[in-house]
Amino acid sequence: MTFVLILIMIYARKAGDIMDTITELLQKYHYLTPELAKKNGISKFKFYKFIQENGLEQAKRGVYAARDEWIDELYILHQRCPNAVFSHDEAFYYHELTDREPVLHTLTIYSGYNAHRLTDDSRCKAYTVKKELLEIGKLTVKDYCGNLIPMYDLERTICDLIRSRNCIEIQEFNTVLKAYVARREKDLNRLMEYAKLFRVQNIVRKYMEVLL
């Protein structure tokens, strides 16, 4: 066997391994992105070659999947930006403080992070906080597809509601606040601890005194 033939066989084996890796990723996540491929050592050339050869379609910008495949957009956003935490409208809906499904996916990331790459398709809205406040009230929950994603707890969600009250419709604001007050599992001590960290304790106390 010649040296050239050996090299060809090695290359073919490696190429086959790469295609197998991409196939396994697709079976695991049900979608593919260039970022996901890069994390697994797959070049852009091999990635797009696989997309073309297997007839995958662009479900949304930078996300490829088989025809009619259901895409878990929350999990994709989490994969694209693991440090971000789903918040505001997303948390209102998840915690059943409102029955209004979010029009935009909403998340929070630390100040200074370039959120443009998350929001440039107009499907996502990003809020920012100081880096040391990002983890306050963070939970890991299952989304509607059963995937684990970060989400803020009830009390952090109410603090976000108060802090962003000028950007939220008054009807939605009142609905969320009243729903929280009616919850048996609310933790007012924790709420005030968070409120102090975010410097909204006087405003939160005022609303609680009126509603409780």
C-alpha atoms as a PDB file:
ATOM      1  CA  MET A   1       0.000   0.000   0.000  1.00  0.00           C
ATOM      2  CA  THR A   2       1.468   3.320  -1.042  1.00  0.00           C
ATOM      3  CA  PHE A   3       1.935   6.253   1.307  1.00  0.00           C
ATOM      4  CA  VAL A   4      -0.503   8.353  -0.753  1.00  0.00           C
ATOM      5  CA  LEU A   5      -3.191   5.673  -0.485  1.00  0.00           C
ATOM      6  CA  ILE A   6      -2.693   5.492   3.265  1.00  0.00           C
ATOM      7  CA  LEU A   7      -3.157   9.271   3.511  1.00  0.00           C
ATOM      8  CA  ILE A   8      -6.329   9.057   1.425  1.00  0.00           C
ATOM      9  CA  MET A   9      -7.729   6.330   3.683  1.00  0.00           C
ATOM     10  CA  ILE A  10      -6.874   8.325   6.814  1.00  0.00           C
ATOM     11  CA  TYR A  11      -8.515  11.452   5.374  1.00  0.00           C
ATOM     12  CA  ALA A  12     -11.601   9.488   4.354  1.00  0.00           C
ATOM     13  CA  ARG A  13     -11.874   7.988   7.825  1.00  0.00           C
ATOM     14  CA  LYS A  14     -11.558  11.419   9.451  1.00  0.00           C
ATOM     15  CA  ALA A  15     -14.126  12.879   7.070  1.00  0.00           C
ATOM     16  CA  GLY A  16     -16.483  10.041   7.932  1.00  0.00           C
ATOM     17  CA  ASP A  17     -15.937  10.630  11.657  1.00  0.00           C
ATOM     18  CA  ILE A  18     -16.760  14.322  11.238  1.00  0.00           C
ATOM     19  CA  MET A  19     -19.975  13.535   9.374  1.00  0.00           C
ATOM     20  CA  ASP A  20     -20.897  11.023  12.073  1.00  0.00           C
ATOM     21  CA  THR A  21     -20.289  13.701  14.721  1.00  0.00           C
ATOM     22  CA  ILE A  22     -22.555  16.172  12.941  1.00  0.00           C
ATOM     23  CA  THR A  23     -25.237  13.503  12.567  1.00  0.00           C
ATOM     24  CA  GLU A  24     -25.045  12.749  16.286  1.00  0.00           C
ATOM     25  CA  LEU A  25     -25.399  16.463  17.095  1.00  0.00           C
ATOM     26  CA  LEU A  26     -28.486  16.700  14.901  1.00  0.00           C
ATOM     27  CA  GLN A  27     -30.030  13.641  16.556  1.00  0.00           C
ATOM     28  CA  LYS A  28     -29.301  15.033  20.025  1.00  0.00           C
ATOM     29  CA  TYR A  29     -30.414  18.654  19.556  1.00  0.00           C
ATOM     30  CA  HIS A  30     -32.723  18.360  16.508  1.00  0.00           C
ATOM     31  CA  TYR A  31     -31.009  21.427  15.015  1.00  0.00           C
ATOM     32  CA  LEU A  32     -27.543  22.625  14.025  1.00  0.00           C
ATOM     33  CA  THR A  33     -25.774  25.964  14.320  1.00  0.00           C
ATOM     34  CA  PRO A  34     -22.262  27.061  13.297  1.00  0.00           C
ATOM     35  CA  GLU A  35     -21.512  27.750  16.983  1.00  0.00           C
ATOM     36  CA  LEU A  36     -22.522  24.219  17.976  1.00  0.00           C
ATOM     37  CA  ALA A  37     -20.387  22.775  15.194  1.00  0.00           C
ATOM     38  CA  LYS A  38     -17.379  24.883  16.175  1.00  0.00           C
ATOM     39  CA  LYS A  39     -17.615  23.721  19.797  1.00  0.00           C
ATOM     40  CA  ASN A  40     -17.338  20.158  18.539  1.00  0.00           C
ATOM     41  CA  GLY A  41     -14.324  20.797  16.338  1.00  0.00           C
ATOM     42  CA  ILE A  42     -16.173  20.939  13.019  1.00  0.00           C
ATOM     43  CA  SER A  43     -15.046  23.470  10.422  1.00  0.00           C
ATOM     44  CA  LYS A  44     -17.477  25.799   8.666  1.00  0.00           C
ATOM     45  CA  PHE A  45     -16.717  24.049   5.376  1.00  0.00           C
ATOM     46  CA  LYS A  46     -17.690  20.632   6.742  1.00  0.00           C
ATOM     47  CA  PHE A  47     -20.688  22.102   8.511  1.00  0.00           C
ATOM     48  CA  TYR A  48     -22.195  23.736   5.429  1.00  0.00           C
ATOM     49  CA  LYS A  49     -21.294  20.741   3.279  1.00  0.00           C
ATOM     50  CA  PHE A  50     -23.365  18.568   5.615  1.00  0.00           C
ATOM     51  CA  ILE A  51     -26.245  21.088   5.518  1.00  0.00           C
ATOM     52  CA  GLN A  52     -26.247  21.063   1.717  1.00  0.00           C
ATOM     53  CA  GLU A  53     -25.832  17.316   1.258  1.00  0.00           C
ATOM     54  CA  ASN A  54     -28.596  16.472   3.742  1.00  0.00           C
ATOM     55  CA  GLY A  55     -31.114  19.061   2.621  1.00  0.00           C
ATOM     56  CA  LEU A  56     -31.472  20.834   5.962  1.00  0.00           C
ATOM     57  CA  GLU A  57     -33.384  24.100   5.959  1.00  0.00           C
ATOM     58  CA  GLN A  58     -32.710  27.388   7.752  1.00  0.00           C
ATOM     59  CA  ALA A  59     -35.378  27.467  10.439  1.00  0.00           C
ATOM     60  CA  LYS A  60     -34.227  30.915  11.555  1.00  0.00           C
ATOM     61  CA  ARG A  61     -31.067  32.927  11.174  1.00  0.00           C
ATOM     62  CA  GLY A  62     -28.070  30.669  11.820  1.00  0.00           C
ATOM     63  CA  VAL A  63     -30.223  27.679  12.841  1.00  0.00           C
ATOM     64  CA  TYR A  64     -30.655  24.660  10.563  1.00  0.00           C
ATOM     65  CA  ALA A  65     -33.001  21.735  10.982  1.00  0.00           C
ATOM     66  CA  ALA A  66     -34.847  19.048   9.069  1.00  0.00           C
ATOM     67  CA  ARG A  67     -38.028  20.115   7.316  1.00  0.00           C
ATOM     68  CA  ASP A  68     -40.952  20.601   9.765  1.00  0.00           C
ATOM     69  CA  GLU A  69     -38.709  20.016  12.809  1.00  0.00           C
ATOM     70  CA  TRP A  70     -39.906  21.819  15.955  1.00  0.00           C
ATOM     71  CA  ILE A  71     -37.248  24.283  17.132  1.00  0.00           C
ATOM     72  CA  ASP A  72     -36.734  25.020  20.837  1.00  0.00           C
ATOM     73  CA  GLU A  73     -35.853  28.701  20.512  1.00  0.00           C
ATOM     74  CA  LEU A  74     -35.290  29.215  24.249  1.00  0.00           C
ATOM     75  CA  TYR A  75     -32.747  26.412  24.404  1.00  0.00           C
ATOM     76  CA  ILE A  76     -31.006  27.719  21.283  1.00  0.00           C
ATOM     77  CA  LEU A  77     -30.709  31.171  22.870  1.00  0.00           C
ATOM     78  CA  HIS A  78     -29.316  29.573  26.004  1.00  0.00           C
ATOM     79  CA  GLN A  79     -26.739  27.698  23.933  1.00  0.00           C
ATOM     80  CA  ARG A  80     -25.784  30.875  22.095  1.00  0.00           C
ATOM     81  CA  CYS A  81     -25.388  32.847  25.321  1.00  0.00           C
ATOM     82  CA  PRO A  82     -25.038  30.529  28.361  1.00  0.00           C
ATOM     83  CA  ASN A  83     -24.540  33.472  30.755  1.00  0.00           C
ATOM     84  CA  ALA A  84     -27.889  35.100  29.961  1.00  0.00           C
ATOM     85  CA  VAL A  85     -30.943  34.418  32.151  1.00  0.00           C
ATOM     86  CA  PHE A  86     -34.526  34.433  30.876  1.00  0.00           C
ATOM     87  CA  SER A  87     -36.480  37.194  32.576  1.00  0.00           C
ATOM     88  CA  HIS A  88     -39.313  39.745  32.382  1.00  0.00           C
ATOM     89  CA  ASP A  89     -42.038  38.658  29.910  1.00  0.00           C
ATOM     90  CA  GLU A  90     -40.534  35.169  29.643  1.00  0.00           C
ATOM     91  CA  ALA A  91     -40.543  34.776  33.433  1.00  0.00           C
ATOM     92  CA  PHE A  92     -44.009  36.362  33.825  1.00  0.00           C
ATOM     93  CA  TYR A  93     -45.410  33.703  31.518  1.00  0.00           C
ATOM     94  CA  TYR A  94     -43.382  30.781  32.874  1.00  0.00           C
ATOM     95  CA  HIS A  95     -44.380  31.517  36.482  1.00  0.00           C
ATOM     96  CA  GLU A  96     -48.040  31.897  35.399  1.00  0.00           C
ATOM     97  CA  LEU A  97     -48.230  35.506  36.509  1.00  0.00           C
ATOM     98  CA  THR A  98     -49.840  36.296  33.163  1.00  0.00           C
ATOM     99  CA  ASP A  99     -51.489  34.294  30.410  1.00  0.00           C
ATOM    100  CA  ARG A 100     -49.978  36.531  27.734  1.00  0.00           C
ATOM    101  CA  GLU A 101     -47.370  34.555  25.803  1.00  0.00           C
ATOM    102  CA  PRO A 102     -44.256  36.669  25.103  1.00  0.00           C
ATOM    103  CA  VAL A 103     -44.057  38.272  21.682  1.00  0.00           C
ATOM    104  CA  LEU A 104     -40.285  38.534  22.066  1.00  0.00           C
ATOM    105  CA  HIS A 105     -37.992  36.248  24.020  1.00  0.00           C
ATOM    106  CA  THR A 106     -36.705  38.308  26.947  1.00  0.00           C
ATOM    107  CA  LEU A 107     -33.487  37.733  28.841  1.00  0.00           C
ATOM    108  CA  THR A 108     -31.008  39.548  31.051  1.00  0.00           C
ATOM    109  CA  ILE A 109     -27.247  39.734  30.580  1.00  0.00           C
ATOM    110  CA  TYR A 110     -24.502  41.684  32.322  1.00  0.00           C
ATOM    111  CA  SER A 111     -23.676  45.257  31.306  1.00  0.00           C
ATOM    112  CA  GLY A 112     -20.963  45.475  28.673  1.00  0.00           C
ATOM    113  CA  TYR A 113     -21.946  42.255  26.924  1.00  0.00           C
ATOM    114  CA  ASN A 114     -22.519  42.727  23.204  1.00  0.00           C
ATOM    115  CA  ALA A 115     -26.171  41.692  23.033  1.00  0.00           C
ATOM    116  CA  HIS A 116     -26.513  42.773  19.406  1.00  0.00           C
ATOM    117  CA  ARG A 117     -25.866  39.261  18.136  1.00  0.00           C
ATOM    118  CA  LEU A 118     -28.822  38.028  20.186  1.00  0.00           C
ATOM    119  CA  THR A 119     -31.254  40.785  19.248  1.00  0.00           C
ATOM    120  CA  ASP A 120     -30.366  41.425  15.606  1.00  0.00           C
ATOM    121  CA  ASP A 121     -33.155  39.179  14.302  1.00  0.00           C
ATOM    122  CA  SER A 122     -35.820  41.137  16.255  1.00  0.00           C
ATOM    123  CA  ARG A 123     -36.974  37.983  18.040  1.00  0.00           C
ATOM    124  CA  CYS A 124     -35.301  38.737  21.335  1.00  0.00           C
ATOM    125  CA  LYS A 125     -35.070  41.608  23.819  1.00  0.00           C
ATOM    126  CA  ALA A 126     -32.133  41.905  26.209  1.00  0.00           C
ATOM    127  CA  TYR A 127     -32.023  43.729  29.548  1.00  0.00           C
ATOM    128  CA  THR A 128     -28.759  44.440  31.347  1.00  0.00           C
ATOM    129  CA  VAL A 129     -27.634  44.540  34.975  1.00  0.00           C
ATOM    130  CA  LYS A 130     -24.333  44.837  36.785  1.00  0.00           C
ATOM    131  CA  LYS A 131     -22.375  41.617  36.546  1.00  0.00           C
ATOM    132  CA  GLU A 132     -22.576  40.963  40.294  1.00  0.00           C
ATOM    133  CA  LEU A 133     -26.405  41.082  40.132  1.00  0.00           C
ATOM    134  CA  LEU A 134     -26.870  38.697  37.220  1.00  0.00           C
ATOM    135  CA  GLU A 135     -27.032  35.524  39.342  1.00  0.00           C
ATOM    136  CA  ILE A 136     -29.467  36.887  41.951  1.00  0.00           C
ATOM    137  CA  GLY A 137     -32.594  34.691  41.952  1.00  0.00           C
ATOM    138  CA  LYS A 138     -31.385  32.475  39.128  1.00  0.00           C
ATOM    139  CA  LEU A 139     -33.023  29.042  38.790  1.00  0.00           C
ATOM    140  CA  THR A 140     -32.661  26.167  36.361  1.00  0.00           C
ATOM    141  CA  VAL A 141     -36.052  25.136  34.961  1.00  0.00           C
ATOM    142  CA  LYS A 142     -37.446  22.972  32.177  1.00  0.00           C
ATOM    143  CA  ASP A 143     -38.809  24.813  29.164  1.00  0.00           C
ATOM    144  CA  TYR A 144     -41.820  23.721  27.090  1.00  0.00           C
ATOM    145  CA  CYS A 145     -39.620  21.221  25.205  1.00  0.00           C
ATOM    146  CA  GLY A 146     -38.194  19.712  28.377  1.00  0.00           C
ATOM    147  CA  ASN A 147     -34.753  21.298  28.034  1.00  0.00           C
ATOM    148  CA  LEU A 148     -33.019  22.925  31.012  1.00  0.00           C
ATOM    149  CA  ILE A 149     -32.656  26.707  30.826  1.00  0.00           C
ATOM    150  CA  PRO A 150     -31.865  29.501  33.351  1.00  0.00           C
ATOM    151  CA  MET A 151     -34.812  31.542  34.609  1.00  0.00           C
ATOM    152  CA  TYR A 152     -35.292  34.012  37.453  1.00  0.00           C
ATOM    153  CA  ASP A 153     -37.414  33.020  40.443  1.00  0.00           C
ATOM    154  CA  LEU A 154     -40.660  34.703  41.477  1.00  0.00           C
ATOM    155  CA  GLU A 155     -39.123  37.357  43.705  1.00  0.00           C
ATOM    156  CA  ARG A 156     -36.413  38.364  41.248  1.00  0.00           C
ATOM    157  CA  THR A 157     -39.103  38.533  38.566  1.00  0.00           C
ATOM    158  CA  ILE A 158     -41.108  40.987  40.645  1.00  0.00           C
ATOM    159  CA  CYS A 159     -38.016  43.124  41.205  1.00  0.00           C
ATOM    160  CA  ASP A 160     -37.467  43.146  37.439  1.00  0.00           C
ATOM    161  CA  LEU A 161     -41.104  44.136  36.977  1.00  0.00           C
ATOM    162  CA  ILE A 162     -40.675  47.095  39.340  1.00  0.00           C
ATOM    163  CA  ARG A 163     -37.341  48.165  37.874  1.00  0.00           C
ATOM    164  CA  SER A 164     -38.709  48.072  34.305  1.00  0.00           C
ATOM    165  CA  ARG A 165     -42.170  49.441  35.115  1.00  0.00           C
ATOM    166  CA  ASN A 166     -41.799  52.366  32.692  1.00  0.00           C
ATOM    167  CA  CYS A 167     -41.310  49.896  29.820  1.00  0.00           C
ATOM    168  CA  ILE A 168     -44.267  47.644  30.680  1.00  0.00           C
ATOM    169  CA  GLU A 169     -47.926  48.261  29.869  1.00  0.00           C
ATOM    170  CA  ILE A 170     -49.832  49.353  32.958  1.00  0.00           C
ATOM    171  CA  GLN A 171     -52.419  46.580  32.531  1.00  0.00           C
ATOM    172  CA  GLU A 172     -49.719  43.926  32.283  1.00  0.00           C
ATOM    173  CA  PHE A 173     -47.879  45.459  35.240  1.00  0.00           C
ATOM    174  CA  ASN A 174     -50.970  45.308  37.455  1.00  0.00           C
ATOM    175  CA  THR A 175     -51.845  41.777  36.338  1.00  0.00           C
ATOM    176  CA  VAL A 176     -48.392  40.409  37.183  1.00  0.00           C
ATOM    177  CA  LEU A 177     -48.169  42.215  40.522  1.00  0.00           C
ATOM    178  CA  LYS A 178     -51.631  41.110  41.681  1.00  0.00           C
ATOM    179  CA  ALA A 179     -50.952  37.524  40.569  1.00  0.00           C
ATOM    180  CA  TYR A 180     -47.786  37.474  42.656  1.00  0.00           C
ATOM    181  CA  VAL A 181     -49.546  38.835  45.749  1.00  0.00           C
ATOM    182  CA  ALA A 182     -52.171  36.113  45.386  1.00  0.00           C
ATOM    183  CA  ARG A 183     -49.577  33.321  45.288  1.00  0.00           C
ATOM    184  CA  ARG A 184     -49.367  31.182  48.426  1.00  0.00           C
ATOM    185  CA  GLU A 185     -45.710  30.319  47.816  1.00  0.00           C
ATOM    186  CA  LYS A 186     -44.506  33.930  47.643  1.00  0.00           C
ATOM    187  CA  ASP A 187     -41.602  34.842  49.907  1.00  0.00           C
ATOM    188  CA  LEU A 188     -41.886  38.472  50.994  1.00  0.00           C
ATOM    189  CA  ASN A 189     -38.671  38.360  53.010  1.00  0.00           C
ATOM    190  CA  ARG A 190     -36.735  37.221  49.974  1.00  0.00           C
ATOM    191  CA  LEU A 191     -38.497  39.841  47.861  1.00  0.00           C
ATOM    192  CA  MET A 192     -37.321  42.597  50.172  1.00  0.00           C
ATOM    193  CA  GLU A 193     -33.778  41.180  50.250  1.00  0.00           C
ATOM    194  CA  TYR A 194     -33.658  41.312  46.463  1.00  0.00           C
ATOM    195  CA  ALA A 195     -35.322  44.730  46.390  1.00  0.00           C
ATOM    196  CA  LYS A 196     -32.620  46.118  48.652  1.00  0.00           C
ATOM    197  CA  LEU A 197     -29.890  44.794  46.338  1.00  0.00           C
ATOM    198  CA  PHE A 198     -31.583  46.481  43.373  1.00  0.00           C
ATOM    199  CA  ARG A 199     -32.341  49.650  45.355  1.00  0.00           C
ATOM    200  CA  VAL A 200     -36.092  49.482  44.827  1.00  0.00           C
ATOM    201  CA  GLN A 201     -37.059  48.481  48.389  1.00  0.00           C
ATOM    202  CA  ASN A 202     -39.113  51.619  49.034  1.00  0.00           C
ATOM    203  CA  ILE A 203     -41.125  51.189  45.841  1.00  0.00           C
ATOM    204  CA  VAL A 204     -41.666  47.466  46.439  1.00  0.00           C
ATOM    205  CA  ARG A 205     -42.746  48.128  50.034  1.00  0.00           C
ATOM    206  CA  LYS A 206     -45.218  50.739  48.840  1.00  0.00           C
ATOM    207  CA  TYR A 207     -46.880  48.342  46.385  1.00  0.00           C
ATOM    208  CA  MET A 208     -46.971  45.503  48.923  1.00  0.00           C
ATOM    209  CA  GLU A 209     -48.581  47.706  51.575  1.00  0.00           C
ATOM    210  CA  VAL A 210     -51.337  48.672  49.150  1.00  0.00           C
ATOM    211  CA  LEU A 211     -52.024  45.158  47.806  1.00  0.00           C
ATOM    212  CA  LEU A 212     -51.600  42.963  50.890  1.00  0.00           C
END
